[in-house]
C-alpha atoms as a PDB file:
ATOM      1  CA  MET A   1     -30.988  53.870   0.502  1.00  0.00           C
ATOM      2  CA  LYS A   2     -33.313  50.913   0.831  1.00  0.00           C
ATOM      3  CA  ASN A   3     -33.741  49.283   4.203  1.00  0.00           C
ATOM      4  CA  VAL A   4     -31.862  45.992   4.655  1.00  0.00           C
ATOM      5  CA  THR A   5     -34.454  43.337   5.371  1.00  0.00           C
ATOM      6  CA  ARG A   6     -33.982  40.112   7.320  1.00  0.00           C
ATOM      7  CA  SER A   7     -34.078  38.128   4.050  1.00  0.00           C
ATOM      8  CA  HIS A   8     -31.239  40.273   2.685  1.00  0.00           C
ATOM      9  CA  VAL A   9     -29.141  39.548   5.775  1.00  0.00           C
ATOM     10  CA  ILE A  10     -29.758  35.803   5.487  1.00  0.00           C
ATOM     11  CA  THR A  11     -28.826  35.861   1.798  1.00  0.00           C
ATOM     12  CA  MET A  12     -25.649  37.851   2.477  1.00  0.00           C
ATOM     13  CA  ASN A  13     -24.629  35.466   5.261  1.00  0.00           C
ATOM     14  CA  LYS A  14     -25.180  32.490   2.950  1.00  0.00           C
ATOM     15  CA  VAL A  15     -23.036  34.055   0.223  1.00  0.00           C
ATOM     16  CA  THR A  16     -20.321  34.840   2.783  1.00  0.00           C
ATOM     17  CA  ARG A  17     -20.286  31.227   4.007  1.00  0.00           C
ATOM     18  CA  GLN A  18     -20.073  29.936   0.432  1.00  0.00           C
ATOM     19  CA  PHE A  19     -17.212  32.348  -0.297  1.00  0.00           C
ATOM     20  CA  ARG A  20     -15.311  31.240   2.811  1.00  0.00           C
ATOM     21  CA  THR A  21     -15.859  27.576   1.912  1.00  0.00           C
ATOM     22  CA  ARG A  22     -14.507  28.239  -1.566  1.00  0.00           C
ATOM     23  CA  LEU A  23     -11.433  29.977  -0.121  1.00  0.00           C
ATOM     24  CA  LEU A  24     -10.793  27.042   2.215  1.00  0.00           C
ATOM     25  CA  HIS A  25     -11.093  24.648  -0.722  1.00  0.00           C
ATOM     26  CA  LEU A  26      -8.633  26.689  -2.794  1.00  0.00           C
ATOM     27  CA  ASP A  27      -6.247  26.876   0.154  1.00  0.00           C
ATOM     28  CA  ALA A  28      -6.430  23.105   0.644  1.00  0.00           C
ATOM     29  CA  THR A  29      -5.798  22.535  -3.071  1.00  0.00           C
ATOM     30  CA  SER A  30      -2.820  24.890  -2.935  1.00  0.00           C
ATOM     31  CA  LYS A  31      -1.396  23.054   0.062  1.00  0.00           C
ATOM     32  CA  ALA A  32      -1.989  19.711  -1.660  1.00  0.00           C
ATOM     33  CA  ARG A  33       0.130  20.830  -4.631  1.00  0.00           C
ATOM     34  CA  ASN A  34       2.764  22.656  -2.555  1.00  0.00           C
ATOM     35  CA  ASP A  35       4.750  24.312  -5.370  1.00  0.00           C
ATOM     36  CA  GLY A  36       5.015  21.275  -7.626  1.00  0.00           C
ATOM     37  CA  HIS A  37       5.276  18.766  -4.796  1.00  0.00           C
ATOM     38  CA  PRO A  38       1.824  17.148  -4.688  1.00  0.00           C
ATOM     39  CA  LEU A  39       0.483  15.825  -1.426  1.00  0.00           C
ATOM     40  CA  VAL A  40       0.952  12.083  -0.962  1.00  0.00           C
ATOM     41  CA  SER A  41      -1.259  10.101   1.412  1.00  0.00           C
ATOM     42  CA  VAL A  42       0.405   6.976   2.789  1.00  0.00           C
ATOM     43  CA  VAL A  43      -2.173   4.579   4.220  1.00  0.00           C
ATOM     44  CA  MET A  44      -1.057   1.990   6.759  1.00  0.00           C
ATOM     45  CA  PRO A  45      -3.459  -0.524   8.347  1.00  0.00           C
ATOM     46  CA  VAL A  46      -2.324  -1.903  11.698  1.00  0.00           C
ATOM     47  CA  TYR A  47      -3.349  -4.912  13.744  1.00  0.00           C
ATOM     48  CA  ASN A  48      -1.291  -6.185  16.694  1.00  0.00           C
ATOM     49  CA  SER A  49       2.036  -4.987  15.276  1.00  0.00           C
ATOM     50  CA  GLU A  50       3.650  -3.578  18.414  1.00  0.00           C
ATOM     51  CA  ALA A  51       6.996  -5.215  17.594  1.00  0.00           C
ATOM     52  CA  TYR A  52       7.362  -3.501  14.217  1.00  0.00           C
ATOM     53  CA  VAL A  53       5.017  -0.531  13.859  1.00  0.00           C
ATOM     54  CA  SER A  54       7.471   1.982  15.325  1.00  0.00           C
ATOM     55  CA  ASP A  55      10.073   1.309  12.615  1.00  0.00           C
ATOM     56  CA  ALA A  56       7.375   1.406   9.930  1.00  0.00           C
ATOM     57  CA  ILE A  57       6.181   4.839  11.078  1.00  0.00           C
ATOM     58  CA  LYS A  58       9.733   6.210  11.359  1.00  0.00           C
ATOM     59  CA  SER A  59      10.501   5.119   7.817  1.00  0.00           C
ATOM     60  CA  ILE A  60       7.595   7.211   6.477  1.00  0.00           C
ATOM     61  CA  VAL A  61       8.067  10.240   8.728  1.00  0.00           C
ATOM     62  CA  ASN A  62      11.726  10.402   7.668  1.00  0.00           C
ATOM     63  CA  GLN A  63      11.106  10.292   3.918  1.00  0.00           C
ATOM     64  CA  THR A  64      13.139  12.695   1.788  1.00  0.00           C
ATOM     65  CA  TYR A  65       9.807  13.702   0.236  1.00  0.00           C
ATOM     66  CA  GLN A  66       8.095  15.677   2.969  1.00  0.00           C
ATOM     67  CA  ASN A  67       4.746  16.804   1.541  1.00  0.00           C
ATOM     68  CA  LEU A  68       2.951  13.726   2.775  1.00  0.00           C
ATOM     69  CA  GLU A  69       0.475  12.564   5.364  1.00  0.00           C
ATOM     70  CA  LEU A  70       0.546   9.177   7.053  1.00  0.00           C
ATOM     71  CA  VAL A  71      -2.965   7.849   7.629  1.00  0.00           C
ATOM     72  CA  ILE A  72      -2.791   5.032  10.176  1.00  0.00           C
ATOM     73  CA  VAL A  73      -5.848   2.849  10.764  1.00  0.00           C
ATOM     74  CA  ASP A  74      -5.646   0.632  13.836  1.00  0.00           C
ATOM     75  CA  ASP A  75      -8.041  -2.302  13.508  1.00  0.00           C
ATOM     76  CA  ALA A  76      -8.840  -2.522  17.251  1.00  0.00           C
ATOM     77  CA  SER A  77      -5.442  -3.976  18.187  1.00  0.00           C
ATOM     78  CA  THR A  78      -5.296  -5.848  21.484  1.00  0.00           C
ATOM     79  CA  ASP A  79      -1.581  -5.240  22.083  1.00  0.00           C
ATOM     80  CA  ASN A  80       0.303  -1.944  22.527  1.00  0.00           C
ATOM     81  CA  SER A  81       0.094  -0.890  18.874  1.00  0.00           C
ATOM     82  CA  TRP A  82      -2.350   1.947  19.525  1.00  0.00           C
ATOM     83  CA  LYS A  83      -0.247   3.351  22.377  1.00  0.00           C
ATOM     84  CA  ILE A  84       2.793   3.466  20.098  1.00  0.00           C
ATOM     85  CA  ILE A  85       0.777   5.055  17.283  1.00  0.00           C
ATOM     86  CA  SER A  86      -0.641   7.667  19.670  1.00  0.00           C
ATOM     87  CA  VAL A  87       2.833   8.759  20.767  1.00  0.00           C
ATOM     88  CA  PHE A  88       3.867   9.384  17.162  1.00  0.00           C
ATOM     89  CA  ALA A  89       0.566  11.087  16.312  1.00  0.00           C
ATOM     90  CA  LYS A  90       1.025  13.557  19.177  1.00  0.00           C
ATOM     91  CA  ARG A  91       4.609  14.236  18.171  1.00  0.00           C
ATOM     92  CA  PHE A  92       3.787  14.760  14.490  1.00  0.00           C
ATOM     93  CA  PRO A  93       0.216  16.142  14.449  1.00  0.00           C
ATOM     94  CA  LYS A  94       0.640  17.759  11.016  1.00  0.00           C
ATOM     95  CA  LYS A  95       2.079  14.620   9.469  1.00  0.00           C
ATOM     96  CA  ILE A  96       0.184  11.720  11.071  1.00  0.00           C
ATOM     97  CA  ARG A  97      -3.558  11.121  11.146  1.00  0.00           C
ATOM     98  CA  ALA A  98      -4.384   8.191  13.413  1.00  0.00           C
ATOM     99  CA  ILE A  99      -7.737   6.407  13.328  1.00  0.00           C
ATOM    100  CA  ARG A 100      -8.723   3.718  15.797  1.00  0.00           C
ATOM    101  CA  LEU A 101     -11.565   1.353  14.986  1.00  0.00           C
ATOM    102  CA  ARG A 102     -13.534   0.398  18.070  1.00  0.00           C
ATOM    103  CA  LYS A 103     -14.484  -2.993  16.670  1.00  0.00           C
ATOM    104  CA  ASN A 104     -12.111  -5.288  14.810  1.00  0.00           C
ATOM    105  CA  LEU A 105     -13.207  -5.621  11.172  1.00  0.00           C
ATOM    106  CA  ASN A 106     -11.508  -9.033  11.008  1.00  0.00           C
ATOM    107  CA  LYS A 107     -11.508  -8.902   7.204  1.00  0.00           C
ATOM    108  CA  GLY A 108      -7.830  -8.333   6.489  1.00  0.00           C
ATOM    109  CA  GLY A 109      -5.696  -5.328   5.727  1.00  0.00           C
ATOM    110  CA  ASP A 110      -7.508  -4.352   2.526  1.00  0.00           C
ATOM    111  CA  THR A 111     -10.788  -3.650   4.321  1.00  0.00           C
ATOM    112  CA  CYS A 112      -8.944  -1.669   6.979  1.00  0.00           C
ATOM    113  CA  ALA A 113      -6.972   0.208   4.312  1.00  0.00           C
ATOM    114  CA  ASN A 114     -10.234   1.230   2.623  1.00  0.00           C
ATOM    115  CA  VAL A 115     -11.062   3.199   5.778  1.00  0.00           C
ATOM    116  CA  GLY A 116      -7.766   5.066   5.482  1.00  0.00           C
ATOM    117  CA  PHE A 117      -8.040   5.740   1.754  1.00  0.00           C
ATOM    118  CA  ALA A 118     -11.519   7.191   2.308  1.00  0.00           C
ATOM    119  CA  LYS A 119      -9.896   9.788   4.604  1.00  0.00           C
ATOM    120  CA  ALA A 120      -6.857  10.416   2.390  1.00  0.00           C
ATOM    121  CA  ARG A 121      -6.419  13.911   0.940  1.00  0.00           C
ATOM    122  CA  GLY A 122      -3.467  13.295  -1.351  1.00  0.00           C
ATOM    123  CA  ILE A 123      -3.188  13.488  -5.118  1.00  0.00           C
ATOM    124  CA  TYR A 124      -1.113  10.307  -4.964  1.00  0.00           C
ATOM    125  CA  LEU A 125      -2.050   7.419  -2.645  1.00  0.00           C
ATOM    126  CA  ALA A 126       0.579   5.021  -1.304  1.00  0.00           C
ATOM    127  CA  ARG A 127       0.268   1.759   0.597  1.00  0.00           C
ATOM    128  CA  MET A 128       2.390   0.710   3.563  1.00  0.00           C
ATOM    129  CA  ASP A 129       2.298  -2.257   5.944  1.00  0.00           C
ATOM    130  CA  ALA A 130       2.913  -1.997   9.673  1.00  0.00           C
ATOM    131  CA  ASP A 131       5.668  -4.623   9.723  1.00  0.00           C
ATOM    132  CA  ASP A 132       7.699  -3.317   6.781  1.00  0.00           C
ATOM    133  CA  ILE A 133      10.220  -0.493   6.357  1.00  0.00           C
ATOM    134  CA  SER A 134      10.340   1.952   3.450  1.00  0.00           C
ATOM    135  CA  ASP A 135      13.595   3.255   2.029  1.00  0.00           C
ATOM    136  CA  ARG A 136      13.939   6.996   2.736  1.00  0.00           C
ATOM    137  CA  GLU A 137      13.734   7.853  -0.970  1.00  0.00           C
ATOM    138  CA  ARG A 138      10.808   5.582  -1.815  1.00  0.00           C
ATOM    139  CA  ILE A 139       8.057   8.230  -1.942  1.00  0.00           C
ATOM    140  CA  GLU A 140      10.217  10.805  -3.725  1.00  0.00           C
ATOM    141  CA  LYS A 141      11.182   8.398  -6.503  1.00  0.00           C
ATOM    142  CA  GLN A 142       7.642   7.123  -6.988  1.00  0.00           C
ATOM    143  CA  VAL A 143       6.213  10.652  -7.173  1.00  0.00           C
ATOM    144  CA  LYS A 144       8.806  11.651  -9.788  1.00  0.00           C
ATOM    145  CA  PHE A 145       7.920   8.584 -11.843  1.00  0.00           C
ATOM    146  CA  LEU A 146       4.164   9.245 -11.748  1.00  0.00           C
ATOM    147  CA  GLN A 147       4.681  12.902 -12.611  1.00  0.00           C
ATOM    148  CA  LYS A 148       6.729  11.924 -15.671  1.00  0.00           C
ATOM    149  CA  ASN A 149       4.232   9.203 -16.649  1.00  0.00           C
ATOM    150  CA  PRO A 150       0.681  10.564 -16.219  1.00  0.00           C
ATOM    151  CA  ASP A 151      -0.803   7.475 -17.919  1.00  0.00           C
ATOM    152  CA  MET A 152       0.484   5.244 -15.106  1.00  0.00           C
ATOM    153  CA  LEU A 153      -2.224   4.269 -12.649  1.00  0.00           C
ATOM    154  CA  MET A 154       0.161   2.536 -10.261  1.00  0.00           C
ATOM    155  CA  VAL A 155       3.864   2.131  -9.588  1.00  0.00           C
ATOM    156  CA  GLY A 156       5.585  -0.295  -7.239  1.00  0.00           C
ATOM    157  CA  THR A 157       9.201  -1.201  -6.483  1.00  0.00           C
ATOM    158  CA  GLN A 158      11.480  -4.161  -5.876  1.00  0.00           C
ATOM    159  CA  ALA A 159      12.157  -5.177  -2.265  1.00  0.00           C
ATOM    160  CA  TYR A 160      14.651  -6.652   0.133  1.00  0.00           C
ATOM    161  CA  VAL A 161      13.271  -9.389   2.363  1.00  0.00           C
ATOM    162  CA  ILE A 162      14.053  -9.195   6.074  1.00  0.00           C
ATOM    163  CA  ASN A 163      13.235 -11.508   8.953  1.00  0.00           C
ATOM    164  CA  ALA A 164      11.691 -10.705  12.321  1.00  0.00           C
ATOM    165  CA  ALA A 165      15.058  -9.477  13.623  1.00  0.00           C
ATOM    166  CA  GLY A 166      15.579  -7.183  10.632  1.00  0.00           C
ATOM    167  CA  ALA A 167      18.323  -9.199   8.900  1.00  0.00           C
ATOM    168  CA  VAL A 168      18.168  -9.325   5.098  1.00  0.00           C
ATOM    169  CA  THR A 169      17.414 -12.891   3.986  1.00  0.00           C
ATOM    170  CA  GLY A 170      16.643 -12.453   0.301  1.00  0.00           C
ATOM    171  CA  ILE A 171      15.020 -10.290  -2.327  1.00  0.00           C
ATOM    172  CA  LYS A 172      11.672  -9.927  -4.082  1.00  0.00           C
ATOM    173  CA  ASN A 173      12.063  -9.148  -7.761  1.00  0.00           C
ATOM    174  CA  VAL A 174       9.054  -8.277  -9.912  1.00  0.00           C
ATOM    175  CA  PRO A 175       8.709  -7.294 -13.594  1.00  0.00           C
ATOM    176  CA  THR A 176       9.047  -3.613 -14.443  1.00  0.00           C
ATOM    177  CA  THR A 177       7.052  -3.055 -17.656  1.00  0.00           C
ATOM    178  CA  TYR A 178       3.283  -3.042 -18.056  1.00  0.00           C
ATOM    179  CA  GLU A 179       3.452  -5.802 -20.676  1.00  0.00           C
ATOM    180  CA  ASP A 180       5.411  -8.159 -18.414  1.00  0.00           C
ATOM    181  CA  ILE A 181       3.309  -7.267 -15.379  1.00  0.00           C
ATOM    182  CA  TYR A 182       0.109  -8.013 -17.317  1.00  0.00           C
ATOM    183  CA  LYS A 183       1.352 -11.428 -18.492  1.00  0.00           C
ATOM    184  CA  ASN A 184       2.554 -12.464 -15.036  1.00  0.00           C
ATOM    185  CA  TYR A 185      -0.702 -11.622 -13.270  1.00  0.00           C
ATOM    186  CA  ALA A 186      -1.954 -15.067 -14.297  1.00  0.00           C
ATOM    187  CA  VAL A 187       0.945 -16.751 -12.487  1.00  0.00           C
ATOM    188  CA  PHE A 188       1.815 -14.642  -9.432  1.00  0.00           C
ATOM    189  CA  HIS A 189       1.202 -11.190  -7.969  1.00  0.00           C
ATOM    190  CA  PRO A 190       3.696  -8.993  -9.900  1.00  0.00           C
ATOM    191  CA  MET A 191       3.126  -5.929  -7.700  1.00  0.00           C
ATOM    192  CA  ILE A 192       4.560  -6.030  -4.168  1.00  0.00           C
ATOM    193  CA  HIS A 193       1.503  -4.695  -2.402  1.00  0.00           C
ATOM    194  CA  PRO A 194       3.103  -2.515   0.328  1.00  0.00           C
ATOM    195  CA  THR A 195       5.243  -0.763  -2.310  1.00  0.00           C
ATOM    196  CA  VAL A 196       2.448   0.508  -4.547  1.00  0.00           C
ATOM    197  CA  MET A 197       1.494   4.132  -5.173  1.00  0.00           C
ATOM    198  CA  PHE A 198      -1.676   5.096  -7.088  1.00  0.00           C
ATOM    199  CA  ASN A 199      -2.455   8.098  -9.246  1.00  0.00           C
ATOM    200  CA  LYS A 200      -5.788   9.079  -7.714  1.00  0.00           C
ATOM    201  CA  LYS A 201      -7.032  10.686 -10.955  1.00  0.00           C
ATOM    202  CA  LEU A 202      -7.010   7.328 -12.741  1.00  0.00           C
ATOM    203  CA  LEU A 203      -8.773   5.341 -10.018  1.00  0.00           C
ATOM    204  CA  PRO A 204     -12.474   4.483 -10.387  1.00  0.00           C
ATOM    205  CA  LYS A 205     -14.809   7.041  -8.821  1.00  0.00           C
ATOM    206  CA  ARG A 206     -16.073   5.116  -5.800  1.00  0.00           C
ATOM    207  CA  LYS A 207     -15.806   5.271  -2.034  1.00  0.00           C
ATOM    208  CA  VAL A 208     -13.370   2.367  -1.649  1.00  0.00           C
ATOM    209  CA  ILE A 209     -10.252   1.319  -3.524  1.00  0.00           C
ATOM    210  CA  TYR A 210     -10.324  -2.397  -2.778  1.00  0.00           C
ATOM    211  CA  LYS A 211     -13.364  -4.425  -3.773  1.00  0.00           C
ATOM    212  CA  ILE A 212     -13.930  -6.941  -0.997  1.00  0.00           C
ATOM    213  CA  LYS A 213     -15.248 -10.095  -2.640  1.00  0.00           C
ATOM    214  CA  TYR A 214     -13.004 -12.889  -1.410  1.00  0.00           C
ATOM    215  CA  SER A 215     -11.753 -14.119   1.959  1.00  0.00           C
ATOM    216  CA  ALA A 216      -8.218 -12.922   1.102  1.00  0.00           C
ATOM    217  CA  ASN A 217      -6.136 -11.403  -1.717  1.00  0.00           C
ATOM    218  CA  ASN A 218      -8.685  -8.715  -2.531  1.00  0.00           C
ATOM    219  CA  ASP A 219      -5.824  -6.476  -3.643  1.00  0.00           C
ATOM    220  CA  LEU A 220      -5.101  -9.017  -6.396  1.00  0.00           C
ATOM    221  CA  TYR A 221      -8.775  -9.094  -7.368  1.00  0.00           C
ATOM    222  CA  THR A 222      -8.948  -5.288  -7.452  1.00  0.00           C
ATOM    223  CA  PHE A 223      -5.736  -4.913  -9.446  1.00  0.00           C
ATOM    224  CA  PHE A 224      -7.108  -7.218 -12.151  1.00  0.00           C
ATOM    225  CA  GLU A 225      -9.876  -4.640 -12.547  1.00  0.00           C
ATOM    226  CA  PHE A 226      -7.346  -1.777 -12.597  1.00  0.00           C
ATOM    227  CA  LEU A 227      -5.415  -3.391 -15.479  1.00  0.00           C
ATOM    228  CA  ASN A 228      -8.120  -2.020 -17.788  1.00  0.00           C
ATOM    229  CA  LEU A 229      -8.002   1.514 -16.347  1.00  0.00           C
ATOM    230  CA  GLY A 230      -4.343   2.459 -16.702  1.00  0.00           C
ATOM    231  CA  LYS A 231      -0.801   1.159 -16.907  1.00  0.00           C
ATOM    232  CA  PHE A 232       1.268  -0.419 -14.117  1.00  0.00           C
ATOM    233  CA  ALA A 233       5.035  -0.281 -13.599  1.00  0.00           C
ATOM    234  CA  ASN A 234       7.648  -1.271 -11.043  1.00  0.00           C
ATOM    235  CA  LEU A 235      10.812   0.721 -10.434  1.00  0.00           C
ATOM    236  CA  THR A 236      14.043  -1.244 -10.760  1.00  0.00           C
ATOM    237  CA  GLU A 237      15.235  -0.180  -7.308  1.00  0.00           C
ATOM    238  CA  LYS A 238      14.615  -2.004  -4.037  1.00  0.00           C
ATOM    239  CA  LEU A 239      12.789   0.624  -1.978  1.00  0.00           C
ATOM    240  CA  LEU A 240      11.097  -1.533   0.660  1.00  0.00           C
ATOM    241  CA  TYR A 241      12.246  -3.948   3.337  1.00  0.00           C
ATOM    242  CA  TYR A 242       9.545  -6.609   3.265  1.00  0.00           C
ATOM    243  CA  ARG A 243       9.387  -8.463   6.558  1.00  0.00           C
ATOM    244  CA  VAL A 244       8.679 -12.193   6.612  1.00  0.00           C
ATOM    245  CA  HIS A 245       7.824 -13.571  10.043  1.00  0.00           C
ATOM    246  CA  GLY A 246       5.542 -16.100  11.684  1.00  0.00           C
ATOM    247  CA  ALA A 247       2.533 -13.782  11.812  1.00  0.00           C
ATOM    248  CA  ASN A 248       2.359 -12.829   8.102  1.00  0.00           C
ATOM    249  CA  ASP A 249      -1.228 -13.171   6.882  1.00  0.00           C
ATOM    250  CA  SER A 250      -0.026 -14.056   3.394  1.00  0.00           C
ATOM    251  CA  LEU A 251       1.825 -17.142   4.658  1.00  0.00           C
ATOM    252  CA  THR A 252      -1.018 -18.728   6.632  1.00  0.00           C
ATOM    253  CA  LYS A 253      -3.241 -21.510   5.239  1.00  0.00           C
ATOM    254  CA  PRO A 254      -1.302 -21.770   1.950  1.00  0.00           C
ATOM    255  CA  LYS A 255      -3.591 -24.320   0.269  1.00  0.00           C
ATOM    256  CA  GLU A 256      -6.703 -22.308   1.050  1.00  0.00           C
ATOM    257  CA  ARG A 257      -5.024 -19.125  -0.159  1.00  0.00           C
ATOM    258  CA  PHE A 258      -3.809 -20.716  -3.382  1.00  0.00           C
ATOM    259  CA  PHE A 259      -7.258 -21.917  -4.403  1.00  0.00           C
ATOM    260  CA  ASN A 260      -8.670 -18.543  -3.426  1.00  0.00           C
ATOM    261  CA  THR A 261      -6.099 -16.954  -5.762  1.00  0.00           C
ATOM    262  CA  LEU A 262      -7.018 -19.435  -8.498  1.00  0.00           C
ATOM    263  CA  ARG A 263     -10.673 -18.423  -8.213  1.00  0.00           C
ATOM    264  CA  ILE A 264      -9.657 -14.760  -8.530  1.00  0.00           C
ATOM    265  CA  ARG A 265      -7.681 -15.502 -11.714  1.00  0.00           C
ATOM    266  CA  ILE A 266     -10.676 -17.308 -13.224  1.00  0.00           C
ATOM    267  CA  ASP A 267     -12.928 -14.422 -12.144  1.00  0.00           C
ATOM    268  CA  ALA A 268     -10.597 -11.977 -13.921  1.00  0.00           C
ATOM    269  CA  ILE A 269     -10.802 -14.001 -17.136  1.00  0.00           C
ATOM    270  CA  CYS A 270     -14.599 -14.226 -16.982  1.00  0.00           C
ATOM    271  CA  ASN A 271     -15.460 -10.732 -15.729  1.00  0.00           C
ATOM    272  CA  HIS A 272     -12.513  -8.398 -16.366  1.00  0.00           C
ATOM    273  CA  ASP A 273     -11.515  -9.452 -19.875  1.00  0.00           C
ATOM    274  CA  TYR A 274      -8.120 -10.693 -18.702  1.00  0.00           C
ATOM    275  CA  ARG A 275      -6.342 -12.802 -21.317  1.00  0.00           C
ATOM    276  CA  PRO A 276      -3.713 -15.237 -19.985  1.00  0.00           C
ATOM    277  CA  THR A 277      -1.026 -16.715 -22.223  1.00  0.00           C
ATOM    278  CA  LEU A 278      -0.912 -20.434 -22.985  1.00  0.00           C
ATOM    279  CA  LYS A 279       2.295 -20.655 -20.951  1.00  0.00           C
ATOM    280  CA  SER A 280       0.606 -19.122 -17.897  1.00  0.00           C
ATOM    281  CA  ILE A 281      -2.280 -21.602 -18.175  1.00  0.00           C
ATOM    282  CA  LEU A 282       0.198 -24.490 -18.144  1.00  0.00           C
ATOM    283  CA  VAL A 283       1.993 -22.951 -15.155  1.00  0.00           C
ATOM    284  CA  ASN A 284      -1.325 -22.760 -13.291  1.00  0.00           C
ATOM    285  CA  LEU A 285      -1.901 -26.456 -13.925  1.00  0.00           C
ATOM    286  CA  LEU A 286       1.576 -27.257 -12.584  1.00  0.00           C
ATOM    287  CA  GLN A 287       1.015 -25.018  -9.556  1.00  0.00           C
ATOM    288  CA  THR A 288      -2.282 -26.746  -8.810  1.00  0.00           C
ATOM    289  CA  GLY A 289      -0.671 -30.173  -9.064  1.00  0.00           C
ATOM    290  CA  ALA A 290       2.148 -29.173  -6.718  1.00  0.00           C
ATOM    291  CA  ILE A 291      -0.271 -27.719  -4.164  1.00  0.00           C
ATOM    292  CA  LEU A 292      -2.356 -30.901  -4.206  1.00  0.00           C
ATOM    293  CA  VAL A 293       0.683 -33.163  -3.760  1.00  0.00           C
ATOM    294  CA  LEU A 294       2.807 -31.238  -1.245  1.00  0.00           C
ATOM    295  CA  PRO A 295       2.029 -31.421   2.486  1.00  0.00           C
ATOM    296  CA  GLU A 296       0.791 -28.044   3.707  1.00  0.00           C
ATOM    297  CA  LYS A 297       3.738 -27.568   6.061  1.00  0.00           C
ATOM    298  CA  LEU A 298       6.163 -27.757   3.109  1.00  0.00           C
ATOM    299  CA  ILE A 299       4.348 -25.389   0.754  1.00  0.00           C
ATOM    300  CA  VAL A 300       5.504 -22.136   2.347  1.00  0.00           C
ATOM    301  CA  PRO A 301       9.206 -23.118   2.792  1.00  0.00           C
ATOM    302  CA  VAL A 302       9.372 -24.386  -0.813  1.00  0.00           C
ATOM    303  CA  TYR A 303       7.672 -21.240  -2.108  1.00  0.00           C
ATOM    304  CA  LEU A 304       9.948 -18.908  -0.125  1.00  0.00           C
ATOM    305  CA  TYR A 305      13.072 -20.722  -1.319  1.00  0.00           C
ATOM    306  CA  MET A 306      12.037 -20.870  -4.987  1.00  0.00           C
ATOM    307  CA  LYS A 307      11.154 -17.155  -4.980  1.00  0.00           C
ATOM    308  CA  GLY A 308      14.505 -16.250  -3.409  1.00  0.00           C
ATOM    309  CA  ILE A 309      12.814 -14.857  -0.315  1.00  0.00           C
ATOM    310  CA  THR A 310      14.703 -16.976   2.212  1.00  0.00           C
ATOM    311  CA  ARG A 311      17.791 -17.626   0.137  1.00  0.00           C
ATOM    312  CA  PRO A 312      20.749 -15.807   1.748  1.00  0.00           C
ATOM    313  CA  THR A 313      21.876 -14.132  -1.485  1.00  0.00           C
ATOM    314  CA  VAL A 314      22.205 -10.657  -0.013  1.00  0.00           C
ATOM    315  CA  ASN A 315      24.746  -9.647   2.593  1.00  0.00           C
ATOM    316  CA  PRO A 316      23.022  -7.311   5.102  1.00  0.00           C
ATOM    317  CA  GLN A 317      26.267  -5.342   5.444  1.00  0.00           C
ATOM    318  CA  ASN A 318      26.144  -4.470   1.738  1.00  0.00           C
ATOM    319  CA  THR A 319      22.638  -3.019   1.745  1.00  0.00           C
ATOM    320  CA  PRO A 320      21.429   0.420   2.859  1.00  0.00           C
ATOM    321  CA  PHE A 321      19.069  -1.186   5.377  1.00  0.00           C
ATOM    322  CA  SER A 322      21.232  -0.523   8.440  1.00  0.00           C
ATOM    323  CA  THR A 323      21.857   3.060   7.321  1.00  0.00           C
ATOM    324  CA  THR A 324      18.158   3.667   6.720  1.00  0.00           C
ATOM    325  CA  LEU A 325      17.155   2.311  10.118  1.00  0.00           C
ATOM    326  CA  ASN A 326      19.937   4.165  11.920  1.00  0.00           C
ATOM    327  CA  LYS A 327      18.966   7.470  10.300  1.00  0.00           C
ATOM    328  CA  ALA A 328      15.363   6.874  11.296  1.00  0.00           C
ATOM    329  CA  ALA A 329      16.393   6.157  14.874  1.00  0.00           C
ATOM    330  CA  ILE A 330      18.565   9.271  15.005  1.00  0.00           C
ATOM    331  CA  THR A 331      15.937  11.575  13.496  1.00  0.00           C
ATOM    332  CA  VAL A 332      13.035  10.183  15.493  1.00  0.00           C
ATOM    333  CA  SER A 333      14.268   8.891  18.803  1.00  0.00           C
END
């Protein structure tokens, strides 16, 4: 038998390491699929949300679909948000991955969410906001839909609107078909952002999901790009409780945000081959006129009322919100 030289030993060790790495990769892939239940990564950016983040976390931890990870990215909060997150992360170490940024990015939730999506291991990627509450069946129903429709890049849902105290004040209805979603992108955002779930396979191969080009609404800008990569849909069911309160980023500086949105729409036409209808162009002209005429303090109340967000059309006692929250409180006390 030939003598085993030092070079042989080094080579054998290298092969062994490669083999072990391959086994770990296969094991991770197997866990990600989990007997037909693919791993879902739910990404939730957080900034100074101590009043609501606990309920948001509970609503994800208590999902009926359990093969998921919750990736929480705290954007250097100055309140007790990180302390609350840490308690949950210690209690559910296999379910929650908590990341704390030492320096506030100060660029909105999309930039912070990019950090979380870069760490996500799931086959499907879902978005969640720290002040909202997901229905217990949200993830399960979205996964089933994407599995049945492999050409769908993204699926969202309808939503109840709740106030700071958790009372239902209205609803957010959005179109359900790709054709209607496409047409309405020129007029409003037809995907409720914290309800969306992506099929990772259909996303562009890059390090970040959201392209950060504008001061706000970069999700809208990015989704215009995604319209060319795959189909969008919204489920008919209301599977999110969307909280409207005084600190909502989307409701601050309405005139500035509108013209920022208008620039994004024009950008989509010029650079992403988006084709608006004549009707949507006329609507944009009317929107612009209204924004120019209305005092800034009236824009948000008028918008919320016209969209049915603050209209008391839904009786809180007739919705599953109380049941959902109570179950979450019982399961995770």
